[in-house]
Amino acid sequence: LLDIVRLIPNSKFIAVTTNSVLSIQTVGRLIKFIIDSRLELQGIIANMIRNYDTRARRLAEELSVNFLGSVPFDADYENTIGNPQSILGTKLASALKEIVERHIT
């Protein structure tokens, strides 16, 4: 993170977390570091979500950070690796496209 800030001026960050307690705690500490360092955080994305992403949303609310969206767990994704056209048709690609179109500047 510190190398990114040093080498790429005006960097903006996106925190990505799964819904596991350990991941949420780790990303929470990372977000606090980003905020305390006065770096720009675009928001949080919940990754590999199998059900409603309560923990990631709650973390975003607790830290007053944008919740950008969720990327669902996609069991079929690994079957598309090596075939870019197939990857574009996955749930993962669709969710990322929606998040980018709505939030990322």
PDB file of N, CA and C in Angstrom:
ATOM      1  N   LEU A   1       0.826  -1.191   0.000  1.00  0.00           N
ATOM      2  CA  LEU A   1       0.000   0.000   0.000  1.00  0.00           C
ATOM      3  C   LEU A   1       0.872   1.257   0.000  1.00  0.00           C
ATOM      4  N   LEU A   2       1.874   1.260   0.830  1.00  0.00           N
ATOM      5  CA  LEU A   2       2.735   2.443   0.908  1.00  0.00           C
ATOM      6  C   LEU A   2       3.515   2.658  -0.387  1.00  0.00           C
ATOM      7  N   ASP A   3       3.935   1.568  -1.027  1.00  0.00           N
ATOM      8  CA  ASP A   3       4.619   1.695  -2.321  1.00  0.00           C
ATOM      9  C   ASP A   3       3.682   2.256  -3.380  1.00  0.00           C
ATOM     10  N   ILE A   4       2.434   1.836  -3.367  1.00  0.00           N
ATOM     11  CA  ILE A   4       1.462   2.359  -4.335  1.00  0.00           C
ATOM     12  C   ILE A   4       1.321   3.863  -4.164  1.00  0.00           C
ATOM     13  N   VAL A   5       1.171   4.296  -2.924  1.00  0.00           N
ATOM     14  CA  VAL A   5       1.022   5.729  -2.644  1.00  0.00           C
ATOM     15  C   VAL A   5       2.253   6.499  -3.104  1.00  0.00           C
ATOM     16  N   ARG A   6       3.417   5.923  -2.889  1.00  0.00           N
ATOM     17  CA  ARG A   6       4.664   6.595  -3.262  1.00  0.00           C
ATOM     18  C   ARG A   6       4.849   6.624  -4.779  1.00  0.00           C
ATOM     19  N   LEU A   7       4.545   5.528  -5.446  1.00  0.00           N
ATOM     20  CA  LEU A   7       4.823   5.408  -6.881  1.00  0.00           C
ATOM     21  C   LEU A   7       3.697   5.918  -7.779  1.00  0.00           C
ATOM     22  N   ILE A   8       2.474   5.925  -7.269  1.00  0.00           N
ATOM     23  CA  ILE A   8       1.332   6.349  -8.080  1.00  0.00           C
ATOM     24  C   ILE A   8       0.604   7.471  -7.344  1.00  0.00           C
ATOM     25  N   PRO A   9       0.942   8.705  -7.650  1.00  0.00           N
ATOM     26  CA  PRO A   9       0.292   9.835  -6.980  1.00  0.00           C
ATOM     27  C   PRO A   9      -1.216   9.840  -7.248  1.00  0.00           C
ATOM     28  N   ASN A  10      -1.970  10.357  -6.311  1.00  0.00           N
ATOM     29  CA  ASN A  10      -3.427  10.476  -6.429  1.00  0.00           C
ATOM     30  C   ASN A  10      -4.121   9.130  -6.581  1.00  0.00           C
ATOM     31  N   SER A  11      -3.555   8.103  -5.987  1.00  0.00           N
ATOM     32  CA  SER A  11      -4.171   6.776  -6.031  1.00  0.00           C
ATOM     33  C   SER A  11      -5.500   6.788  -5.287  1.00  0.00           C
ATOM     34  N   LYS A  12      -6.440   5.999  -5.779  1.00  0.00           N
ATOM     35  CA  LYS A  12      -7.721   5.786  -5.108  1.00  0.00           C
ATOM     36  C   LYS A  12      -7.815   4.298  -4.815  1.00  0.00           C
ATOM     37  N   PHE A  13      -8.405   3.962  -3.673  1.00  0.00           N
ATOM     38  CA  PHE A  13      -8.418   2.579  -3.235  1.00  0.00           C
ATOM     39  C   PHE A  13      -9.834   2.025  -3.168  1.00  0.00           C
ATOM     40  N   ILE A  14      -9.918   0.719  -3.374  1.00  0.00           N
ATOM     41  CA  ILE A  14     -11.153  -0.036  -3.202  1.00  0.00           C
ATOM     42  C   ILE A  14     -10.804  -1.203  -2.291  1.00  0.00           C
ATOM     43  N   ALA A  15     -11.548  -1.353  -1.208  1.00  0.00           N
ATOM     44  CA  ALA A  15     -11.337  -2.479  -0.301  1.00  0.00           C
ATOM     45  C   ALA A  15     -12.245  -3.622  -0.748  1.00  0.00           C
ATOM     46  N   VAL A  16     -11.666  -4.806  -0.870  1.00  0.00           N
ATOM     47  CA  VAL A  16     -12.428  -5.990  -1.281  1.00  0.00           C
ATOM     48  C   VAL A  16     -12.360  -7.003  -0.154  1.00  0.00           C
ATOM     49  N   THR A  17     -13.516  -7.524   0.238  1.00  0.00           N
ATOM     50  CA  THR A  17     -13.577  -8.477   1.338  1.00  0.00           C
ATOM     51  C   THR A  17     -14.557  -9.597   1.031  1.00  0.00           C
ATOM     52  N   THR A  18     -14.294 -10.747   1.602  1.00  0.00           N
ATOM     53  CA  THR A  18     -15.305 -11.795   1.601  1.00  0.00           C
ATOM     54  C   THR A  18     -16.188 -11.536   2.814  1.00  0.00           C
ATOM     55  N   ASN A  19     -17.150 -12.405   3.039  1.00  0.00           N
ATOM     56  CA  ASN A  19     -18.067 -12.221   4.156  1.00  0.00           C
ATOM     57  C   ASN A  19     -17.569 -12.898   5.438  1.00  0.00           C
ATOM     58  N   SER A  20     -16.353 -13.446   5.416  1.00  0.00           N
ATOM     59  CA  SER A  20     -15.847 -14.125   6.616  1.00  0.00           C
ATOM     60  C   SER A  20     -15.490 -13.103   7.690  1.00  0.00           C
ATOM     61  N   VAL A  21     -15.628 -13.508   8.924  1.00  0.00           N
ATOM     62  CA  VAL A  21     -15.330 -12.621  10.048  1.00  0.00           C
ATOM     63  C   VAL A  21     -13.879 -12.150   9.994  1.00  0.00           C
ATOM     64  N   LEU A  22     -12.954 -13.060   9.725  1.00  0.00           N
ATOM     65  CA  LEU A  22     -11.534 -12.700   9.663  1.00  0.00           C
ATOM     66  C   LEU A  22     -11.267 -11.668   8.569  1.00  0.00           C
ATOM     67  N   SER A  23     -11.846 -11.868   7.406  1.00  0.00           N
ATOM     68  CA  SER A  23     -11.663 -10.926   6.299  1.00  0.00           C
ATOM     69  C   SER A  23     -12.255  -9.560   6.639  1.00  0.00           C
ATOM     70  N   ILE A  24     -13.425  -9.554   7.230  1.00  0.00           N
ATOM     71  CA  ILE A  24     -14.076  -8.291   7.614  1.00  0.00           C
ATOM     72  C   ILE A  24     -13.209  -7.533   8.620  1.00  0.00           C
ATOM     73  N   GLN A  25     -12.670  -8.235   9.614  1.00  0.00           N
ATOM     74  CA  GLN A  25     -11.823  -7.576  10.615  1.00  0.00           C
ATOM     75  C   GLN A  25     -10.555  -7.006   9.983  1.00  0.00           C
ATOM     76  N   THR A  26      -9.942  -7.778   9.101  1.00  0.00           N
ATOM     77  CA  THR A  26      -8.706  -7.339   8.446  1.00  0.00           C
ATOM     78  C   THR A  26      -8.957  -6.127   7.563  1.00  0.00           C
ATOM     79  N   VAL A  27     -10.011  -6.176   6.769  1.00  0.00           N
ATOM     80  CA  VAL A  27     -10.338  -5.052   5.886  1.00  0.00           C
ATOM     81  C   VAL A  27     -10.750  -3.832   6.702  1.00  0.00           C
ATOM     82  N   GLY A  28     -11.402  -4.058   7.822  1.00  0.00           N
ATOM     83  CA  GLY A  28     -11.748  -2.941   8.704  1.00  0.00           C
ATOM     84  C   GLY A  28     -10.506  -2.194   9.170  1.00  0.00           C
ATOM     85  N   ARG A  29      -9.480  -2.936   9.561  1.00  0.00           N
ATOM     86  CA  ARG A  29      -8.219  -2.297   9.981  1.00  0.00           C
ATOM     87  C   ARG A  29      -7.549  -1.577   8.812  1.00  0.00           C
ATOM     88  N   LEU A  30      -7.583  -2.198   7.643  1.00  0.00           N
ATOM     89  CA  LEU A  30      -6.999  -1.571   6.454  1.00  0.00           C
ATOM     90  C   LEU A  30      -7.716  -0.258   6.124  1.00  0.00           C
ATOM     91  N   ILE A  31      -9.031  -0.273   6.181  1.00  0.00           N
ATOM     92  CA  ILE A  31      -9.807   0.938   5.881  1.00  0.00           C
ATOM     93  C   ILE A  31      -9.480   2.042   6.885  1.00  0.00           C
ATOM     94  N   LYS A  32      -9.385   1.695   8.153  1.00  0.00           N
ATOM     95  CA  LYS A  32      -9.029   2.703   9.161  1.00  0.00           C
ATOM     96  C   LYS A  32      -7.654   3.296   8.870  1.00  0.00           C
ATOM     97  N   PHE A  33      -6.714   2.450   8.442  1.00  0.00           N
ATOM     98  CA  PHE A  33      -5.384   2.939   8.074  1.00  0.00           C
ATOM     99  C   PHE A  33      -5.475   3.894   6.886  1.00  0.00           C
ATOM    100  N   ILE A  34      -6.246   3.533   5.880  1.00  0.00           N
ATOM    101  CA  ILE A  34      -6.409   4.380   4.690  1.00  0.00           C
ATOM    102  C   ILE A  34      -7.010   5.727   5.082  1.00  0.00           C
ATOM    103  N   ILE A  35      -8.047   5.691   5.902  1.00  0.00           N
ATOM    104  CA  ILE A  35      -8.703   6.931   6.336  1.00  0.00           C
ATOM    105  C   ILE A  35      -7.745   7.776   7.178  1.00  0.00           C
ATOM    106  N   ASP A  36      -7.077   7.150   8.149  1.00  0.00           N
ATOM    107  CA  ASP A  36      -6.133   7.880   9.012  1.00  0.00           C
ATOM    108  C   ASP A  36      -4.972   8.473   8.222  1.00  0.00           C
ATOM    109  N   SER A  37      -4.619   7.826   7.118  1.00  0.00           N
ATOM    110  CA  SER A  37      -3.524   8.312   6.270  1.00  0.00           C
ATOM    111  C   SER A  37      -3.997   9.362   5.264  1.00  0.00           C
ATOM    112  N   ARG A  38      -5.277   9.686   5.326  1.00  0.00           N
ATOM    113  CA  ARG A  38      -5.883  10.685   4.437  1.00  0.00           C
ATOM    114  C   ARG A  38      -5.745  10.313   2.964  1.00  0.00           C
ATOM    115  N   LEU A  39      -5.887   9.014   2.702  1.00  0.00           N
ATOM    116  CA  LEU A  39      -5.892   8.521   1.329  1.00  0.00           C
ATOM    117  C   LEU A  39      -7.341   8.414   0.878  1.00  0.00           C
ATOM    118  N   GLU A  40      -7.546   8.331  -0.420  1.00  0.00           N
ATOM    119  CA  GLU A  40      -8.917   8.299  -0.935  1.00  0.00           C
ATOM    120  C   GLU A  40      -9.396   6.862  -1.107  1.00  0.00           C
ATOM    121  N   LEU A  41     -10.492   6.552  -0.427  1.00  0.00           N
ATOM    122  CA  LEU A  41     -11.106   5.231  -0.515  1.00  0.00           C
ATOM    123  C   LEU A  41     -12.417   5.354  -1.272  1.00  0.00           C
ATOM    124  N   GLN A  42     -12.526   4.657  -2.392  1.00  0.00           N
ATOM    125  CA  GLN A  42     -13.764   4.674  -3.179  1.00  0.00           C
ATOM    126  C   GLN A  42     -14.880   3.933  -2.454  1.00  0.00           C
ATOM    127  N   GLY A  43     -14.538   2.840  -1.772  1.00  0.00           N
ATOM    128  CA  GLY A  43     -15.545   2.074  -1.054  1.00  0.00           C
ATOM    129  C   GLY A  43     -15.152   0.622  -0.892  1.00  0.00           C
ATOM    130  N   ILE A  44     -16.157  -0.180  -0.515  1.00  0.00           N
ATOM    131  CA  ILE A  44     -15.964  -1.603  -0.248  1.00  0.00           C
ATOM    132  C   ILE A  44     -16.747  -2.426  -1.264  1.00  0.00           C
ATOM    133  N   ILE A  45     -16.119  -3.511  -1.730  1.00  0.00           N
ATOM    134  CA  ILE A  45     -16.801  -4.506  -2.555  1.00  0.00           C
ATOM    135  C   ILE A  45     -16.783  -5.822  -1.793  1.00  0.00           C
ATOM    136  N   ALA A  46     -17.938  -6.465  -1.700  1.00  0.00           N
ATOM    137  CA  ALA A  46     -18.032  -7.792  -1.086  1.00  0.00           C
ATOM    138  C   ALA A  46     -17.806  -8.827  -2.181  1.00  0.00           C
ATOM    139  N   ASN A  47     -16.875  -9.747  -1.961  1.00  0.00           N
ATOM    140  CA  ASN A  47     -16.481 -10.723  -2.980  1.00  0.00           C
ATOM    141  C   ASN A  47     -16.877 -12.141  -2.575  1.00  0.00           C
ATOM    142  N   MET A  48     -17.191 -12.963  -3.560  1.00  0.00           N
ATOM    143  CA  MET A  48     -17.537 -14.377  -3.380  1.00  0.00           C
ATOM    144  C   MET A  48     -18.709 -14.551  -2.411  1.00  0.00           C
ATOM    145  N   ILE A  49     -19.747 -13.765  -2.614  1.00  0.00           N
ATOM    146  CA  ILE A  49     -20.900 -13.781  -1.723  1.00  0.00           C
ATOM    147  C   ILE A  49     -21.862 -14.885  -2.138  1.00  0.00           C
ATOM    148  N   ARG A  50     -22.218 -15.728  -1.190  1.00  0.00           N
ATOM    149  CA  ARG A  50     -23.166 -16.818  -1.447  1.00  0.00           C
ATOM    150  C   ARG A  50     -24.570 -16.450  -0.993  1.00  0.00           C
ATOM    151  N   ASN A  51     -24.678 -15.515  -0.101  1.00  0.00           N
ATOM    152  CA  ASN A  51     -25.985 -15.071   0.376  1.00  0.00           C
ATOM    153  C   ASN A  51     -25.910 -13.568   0.614  1.00  0.00           C
ATOM    154  N   TYR A  52     -26.876 -13.028   1.278  1.00  0.00           N
ATOM    155  CA  TYR A  52     -26.894 -11.587   1.531  1.00  0.00           C
ATOM    156  C   TYR A  52     -25.614 -11.168   2.256  1.00  0.00           C
ATOM    157  N   ASP A  53     -25.002 -10.096   1.815  1.00  0.00           N
ATOM    158  CA  ASP A  53     -23.687  -9.664   2.285  1.00  0.00           C
ATOM    159  C   ASP A  53     -23.756  -8.757   3.504  1.00  0.00           C
ATOM    160  N   THR A  54     -24.417  -9.189   4.533  1.00  0.00           N
ATOM    161  CA  THR A  54     -24.662  -8.366   5.712  1.00  0.00           C
ATOM    162  C   THR A  54     -23.401  -7.800   6.347  1.00  0.00           C
ATOM    163  N   ARG A  55     -22.377  -8.607   6.523  1.00  0.00           N
ATOM    164  CA  ARG A  55     -21.172  -8.144   7.237  1.00  0.00           C
ATOM    165  C   ARG A  55     -20.455  -7.023   6.490  1.00  0.00           C
ATOM    166  N   ALA A  56     -20.297  -7.160   5.198  1.00  0.00           N
ATOM    167  CA  ALA A  56     -19.601  -6.124   4.426  1.00  0.00           C
ATOM    168  C   ALA A  56     -20.409  -4.829   4.408  1.00  0.00           C
ATOM    169  N   ARG A  57     -21.701  -4.938   4.248  1.00  0.00           N
ATOM    170  CA  ARG A  57     -22.558  -3.739   4.295  1.00  0.00           C
ATOM    171  C   ARG A  57     -22.473  -3.071   5.662  1.00  0.00           C
ATOM    172  N   ARG A  58     -22.533  -3.870   6.705  1.00  0.00           N
ATOM    173  CA  ARG A  58     -22.470  -3.337   8.065  1.00  0.00           C
ATOM    174  C   ARG A  58     -21.133  -2.634   8.309  1.00  0.00           C
ATOM    175  N   LEU A  59     -20.040  -3.233   7.839  1.00  0.00           N
ATOM    176  CA  LEU A  59     -18.720  -2.611   7.977  1.00  0.00           C
ATOM    177  C   LEU A  59     -18.698  -1.257   7.274  1.00  0.00           C
ATOM    178  N   ALA A  60     -19.241  -1.203   6.072  1.00  0.00           N
ATOM    179  CA  ALA A  60     -19.285   0.062   5.330  1.00  0.00           C
ATOM    180  C   ALA A  60     -20.060   1.119   6.114  1.00  0.00           C
ATOM    181  N   GLU A  61     -21.191   0.725   6.675  1.00  0.00           N
ATOM    182  CA  GLU A  61     -21.993   1.669   7.463  1.00  0.00           C
ATOM    183  C   GLU A  61     -21.242   2.121   8.713  1.00  0.00           C
ATOM    184  N   GLU A  62     -20.625   1.172   9.427  1.00  0.00           N
ATOM    185  CA  GLU A  62     -19.899   1.504  10.661  1.00  0.00           C
ATOM    186  C   GLU A  62     -18.762   2.487  10.415  1.00  0.00           C
ATOM    187  N   LEU A  63     -18.100   2.356   9.269  1.00  0.00           N
ATOM    188  CA  LEU A  63     -16.944   3.202   8.971  1.00  0.00           C
ATOM    189  C   LEU A  63     -17.292   4.390   8.072  1.00  0.00           C
ATOM    190  N   SER A  64     -18.587   4.552   7.777  1.00  0.00           N
ATOM    191  CA  SER A  64     -19.062   5.643   6.906  1.00  0.00           C
ATOM    192  C   SER A  64     -18.351   5.628   5.557  1.00  0.00           C
ATOM    193  N   VAL A  65     -18.318   4.448   4.953  1.00  0.00           N
ATOM    194  CA  VAL A  65     -17.665   4.227   3.666  1.00  0.00           C
ATOM    195  C   VAL A  65     -18.717   3.736   2.677  1.00  0.00           C
ATOM    196  N   ASN A  66     -18.560   4.075   1.410  1.00  0.00           N
ATOM    197  CA  ASN A  66     -19.500   3.606   0.388  1.00  0.00           C
ATOM    198  C   ASN A  66     -19.449   2.093   0.251  1.00  0.00           C
ATOM    199  N   PHE A  67     -20.616   1.466   0.198  1.00  0.00           N
ATOM    200  CA  PHE A  67     -20.688   0.051  -0.155  1.00  0.00           C
ATOM    201  C   PHE A  67     -20.946   0.022  -1.651  1.00  0.00           C
ATOM    202  N   LEU A  68     -19.970  -0.449  -2.413  1.00  0.00           N
ATOM    203  CA  LEU A  68     -20.049  -0.377  -3.872  1.00  0.00           C
ATOM    204  C   LEU A  68     -20.869  -1.501  -4.483  1.00  0.00           C
ATOM    205  N   GLY A  69     -20.937  -2.639  -3.822  1.00  0.00           N
ATOM    206  CA  GLY A  69     -21.716  -3.750  -4.347  1.00  0.00           C
ATOM    207  C   GLY A  69     -21.111  -5.089  -3.991  1.00  0.00           C
ATOM    208  N   SER A  70     -21.744  -6.124  -4.537  1.00  0.00           N
ATOM    209  CA  SER A  70     -21.343  -7.499  -4.248  1.00  0.00           C
ATOM    210  C   SER A  70     -21.012  -8.248  -5.521  1.00  0.00           C
ATOM    211  N   VAL A  71     -20.048  -9.123  -5.415  1.00  0.00           N
ATOM    212  CA  VAL A  71     -19.705 -10.043  -6.500  1.00  0.00           C
ATOM    213  C   VAL A  71     -20.086 -11.433  -5.994  1.00  0.00           C
ATOM    214  N   PRO A  72     -21.007 -12.103  -6.678  1.00  0.00           N
ATOM    215  CA  PRO A  72     -21.451 -13.404  -6.180  1.00  0.00           C
ATOM    216  C   PRO A  72     -20.398 -14.485  -6.373  1.00  0.00           C
ATOM    217  N   PHE A  73     -20.483 -15.514  -5.542  1.00  0.00           N
ATOM    218  CA  PHE A  73     -19.658 -16.693  -5.762  1.00  0.00           C
ATOM    219  C   PHE A  73     -20.158 -17.334  -7.050  1.00  0.00           C
ATOM    220  N   ASP A  74     -19.253 -17.651  -7.951  1.00  0.00           N
ATOM    221  CA  ASP A  74     -19.628 -18.215  -9.252  1.00  0.00           C
ATOM    222  C   ASP A  74     -18.851 -19.512  -9.464  1.00  0.00           C
ATOM    223  N   ALA A  75     -19.510 -20.631  -9.194  1.00  0.00           N
ATOM    224  CA  ALA A  75     -18.856 -21.939  -9.301  1.00  0.00           C
ATOM    225  C   ALA A  75     -18.397 -22.235 -10.724  1.00  0.00           C
ATOM    226  N   ASP A  76     -19.013 -21.608 -11.713  1.00  0.00           N
ATOM    227  CA  ASP A  76     -18.664 -21.865 -13.113  1.00  0.00           C
ATOM    228  C   ASP A  76     -17.497 -21.017 -13.611  1.00  0.00           C
ATOM    229  N   TYR A  77     -17.059 -20.049 -12.832  1.00  0.00           N
ATOM    230  CA  TYR A  77     -16.023 -19.126 -13.284  1.00  0.00           C
ATOM    231  C   TYR A  77     -14.732 -19.838 -13.689  1.00  0.00           C
ATOM    232  N   GLU A  78     -14.281 -20.774 -12.881  1.00  0.00           N
ATOM    233  CA  GLU A  78     -13.001 -21.436 -13.170  1.00  0.00           C
ATOM    234  C   GLU A  78     -13.017 -22.170 -14.505  1.00  0.00           C
ATOM    235  N   ASN A  79     -14.184 -22.583 -14.959  1.00  0.00           N
ATOM    236  CA  ASN A  79     -14.286 -23.265 -16.254  1.00  0.00           C
ATOM    237  C   ASN A  79     -14.036 -22.318 -17.427  1.00  0.00           C
ATOM    238  N   THR A  80     -14.054 -21.019 -17.177  1.00  0.00           N
ATOM    239  CA  THR A  80     -13.888 -20.043 -18.259  1.00  0.00           C
ATOM    240  C   THR A  80     -12.466 -19.498 -18.365  1.00  0.00           C
ATOM    241  N   ILE A  81     -11.622 -19.826 -17.407  1.00  0.00           N
ATOM    242  CA  ILE A  81     -10.253 -19.307 -17.419  1.00  0.00           C
ATOM    243  C   ILE A  81      -9.545 -19.765 -18.693  1.00  0.00           C
ATOM    244  N   GLY A  82      -8.914 -18.811 -19.367  1.00  0.00           N
ATOM    245  CA  GLY A  82      -8.249 -19.089 -20.637  1.00  0.00           C
ATOM    246  C   GLY A  82      -9.123 -18.772 -21.833  1.00  0.00           C
ATOM    247  N   ASN A  83     -10.375 -18.425 -21.579  1.00  0.00           N
ATOM    248  CA  ASN A  83     -11.304 -18.090 -22.652  1.00  0.00           C
ATOM    249  C   ASN A  83     -11.974 -16.754 -22.319  1.00  0.00           C
ATOM    250  N   PRO A  84     -11.356 -15.646 -22.719  1.00  0.00           N
ATOM    251  CA  PRO A  84     -11.859 -14.319 -22.341  1.00  0.00           C
ATOM    252  C   PRO A  84     -13.323 -14.079 -22.702  1.00  0.00           C
ATOM    253  N   GLN A  85     -13.763 -14.571 -23.821  1.00  0.00           N
ATOM    254  CA  GLN A  85     -15.166 -14.358 -24.207  1.00  0.00           C
ATOM    255  C   GLN A  85     -16.106 -15.045 -23.228  1.00  0.00           C
ATOM    256  N   SER A  86     -15.737 -16.227 -22.757  1.00  0.00           N
ATOM    257  CA  SER A  86     -16.568 -16.935 -21.779  1.00  0.00           C
ATOM    258  C   SER A  86     -16.580 -16.210 -20.437  1.00  0.00           C
ATOM    259  N   ILE A  87     -15.438 -15.651 -20.059  1.00  0.00           N
ATOM    260  CA  ILE A  87     -15.366 -14.922 -18.790  1.00  0.00           C
ATOM    261  C   ILE A  87     -16.359 -13.765 -18.787  1.00  0.00           C
ATOM    262  N   LEU A  88     -16.497 -13.094 -19.914  1.00  0.00           N
ATOM    263  CA  LEU A  88     -17.407 -11.948 -19.996  1.00  0.00           C
ATOM    264  C   LEU A  88     -18.862 -12.339 -19.779  1.00  0.00           C
ATOM    265  N   GLY A  89     -19.187 -13.608 -19.933  1.00  0.00           N
ATOM    266  CA  GLY A  89     -20.553 -14.072 -19.742  1.00  0.00           C
ATOM    267  C   GLY A  89     -20.844 -14.603 -18.350  1.00  0.00           C
ATOM    268  N   THR A  90     -19.912 -14.462 -17.423  1.00  0.00           N
ATOM    269  CA  THR A  90     -20.100 -15.008 -16.076  1.00  0.00           C
ATOM    270  C   THR A  90     -20.853 -14.042 -15.166  1.00  0.00           C
ATOM    271  N   LYS A  91     -21.360 -14.584 -14.060  1.00  0.00           N
ATOM    272  CA  LYS A  91     -22.002 -13.755 -13.036  1.00  0.00           C
ATOM    273  C   LYS A  91     -20.999 -12.745 -12.477  1.00  0.00           C
ATOM    274  N   LEU A  92     -19.757 -13.188 -12.337  1.00  0.00           N
ATOM    275  CA  LEU A  92     -18.703 -12.323 -11.818  1.00  0.00           C
ATOM    276  C   LEU A  92     -18.522 -11.094 -12.709  1.00  0.00           C
ATOM    277  N   ALA A  93     -18.389 -11.313 -14.004  1.00  0.00           N
ATOM    278  CA  ALA A  93     -18.187 -10.200 -14.937  1.00  0.00           C
ATOM    279  C   ALA A  93     -19.382  -9.258 -14.931  1.00  0.00           C
ATOM    280  N   SER A  94     -20.563  -9.819 -14.879  1.00  0.00           N
ATOM    281  CA  SER A  94     -21.776  -9.001 -14.862  1.00  0.00           C
ATOM    282  C   SER A  94     -21.835  -8.121 -13.613  1.00  0.00           C
ATOM    283  N   ALA A  95     -21.515  -8.700 -12.456  1.00  0.00           N
ATOM    284  CA  ALA A  95     -21.535  -7.936 -11.205  1.00  0.00           C
ATOM    285  C   ALA A  95     -20.482  -6.836 -11.212  1.00  0.00           C
ATOM    286  N   LEU A  96     -19.277  -7.147 -11.690  1.00  0.00           N
ATOM    287  CA  LEU A  96     -18.221  -6.130 -11.744  1.00  0.00           C
ATOM    288  C   LEU A  96     -18.580  -4.999 -12.696  1.00  0.00           C
ATOM    289  N   LYS A  97     -19.165  -5.344 -13.828  1.00  0.00           N
ATOM    290  CA  LYS A  97     -19.572  -4.320 -14.785  1.00  0.00           C
ATOM    291  C   LYS A  97     -20.591  -3.374 -14.154  1.00  0.00           C
ATOM    292  N   GLU A  98     -21.541  -3.932 -13.431  1.00  0.00           N
ATOM    293  CA  GLU A  98     -22.561  -3.112 -12.772  1.00  0.00           C
ATOM    294  C   GLU A  98     -21.937  -2.186 -11.727  1.00  0.00           C
ATOM    295  N   ILE A  99     -21.019  -2.709 -10.939  1.00  0.00           N
ATOM    296  CA  ILE A  99     -20.351  -1.896  -9.914  1.00  0.00           C
ATOM    297  C   ILE A  99     -19.570  -0.758 -10.562  1.00  0.00           C
ATOM    298  N   VAL A 100     -18.814  -1.060 -11.589  1.00  0.00           N
ATOM    299  CA  VAL A 100     -18.012  -0.038 -12.271  1.00  0.00           C
ATOM    300  C   VAL A 100     -18.912   1.031 -12.870  1.00  0.00           C
ATOM    301  N   GLU A 101     -19.979   0.625 -13.532  1.00  0.00           N
ATOM    302  CA  GLU A 101     -20.873   1.599 -14.165  1.00  0.00           C
ATOM    303  C   GLU A 101     -21.556   2.496 -13.147  1.00  0.00           C
ATOM    304  N   ARG A 102     -21.857   1.972 -11.961  1.00  0.00           N
ATOM    305  CA  ARG A 102     -22.556   2.763 -10.947  1.00  0.00           C
ATOM    306  C   ARG A 102     -21.640   3.648 -10.110  1.00  0.00           C
ATOM    307  N   HIS A 103     -20.409   3.204  -9.854  1.00  0.00           N
ATOM    308  CA  HIS A 103     -19.626   3.871  -8.815  1.00  0.00           C
ATOM    309  C   HIS A 103     -18.243   4.360  -9.182  1.00  0.00           C
ATOM    310  N   ILE A 104     -17.541   3.669 -10.026  1.00  0.00           N
ATOM    311  CA  ILE A 104     -16.125   3.963 -10.196  1.00  0.00           C
ATOM    312  C   ILE A 104     -15.931   5.121 -11.161  1.00  0.00           C
ATOM    313  N   THR A 105     -15.164   6.098 -10.700  1.00  0.00           N
ATOM    314  CA  THR A 105     -14.911   7.281 -11.532  1.00  0.00           C
ATOM    315  C   THR A 105     -13.449   7.350 -11.911  1.00  0.00           C
TER     316      THR A 105
END
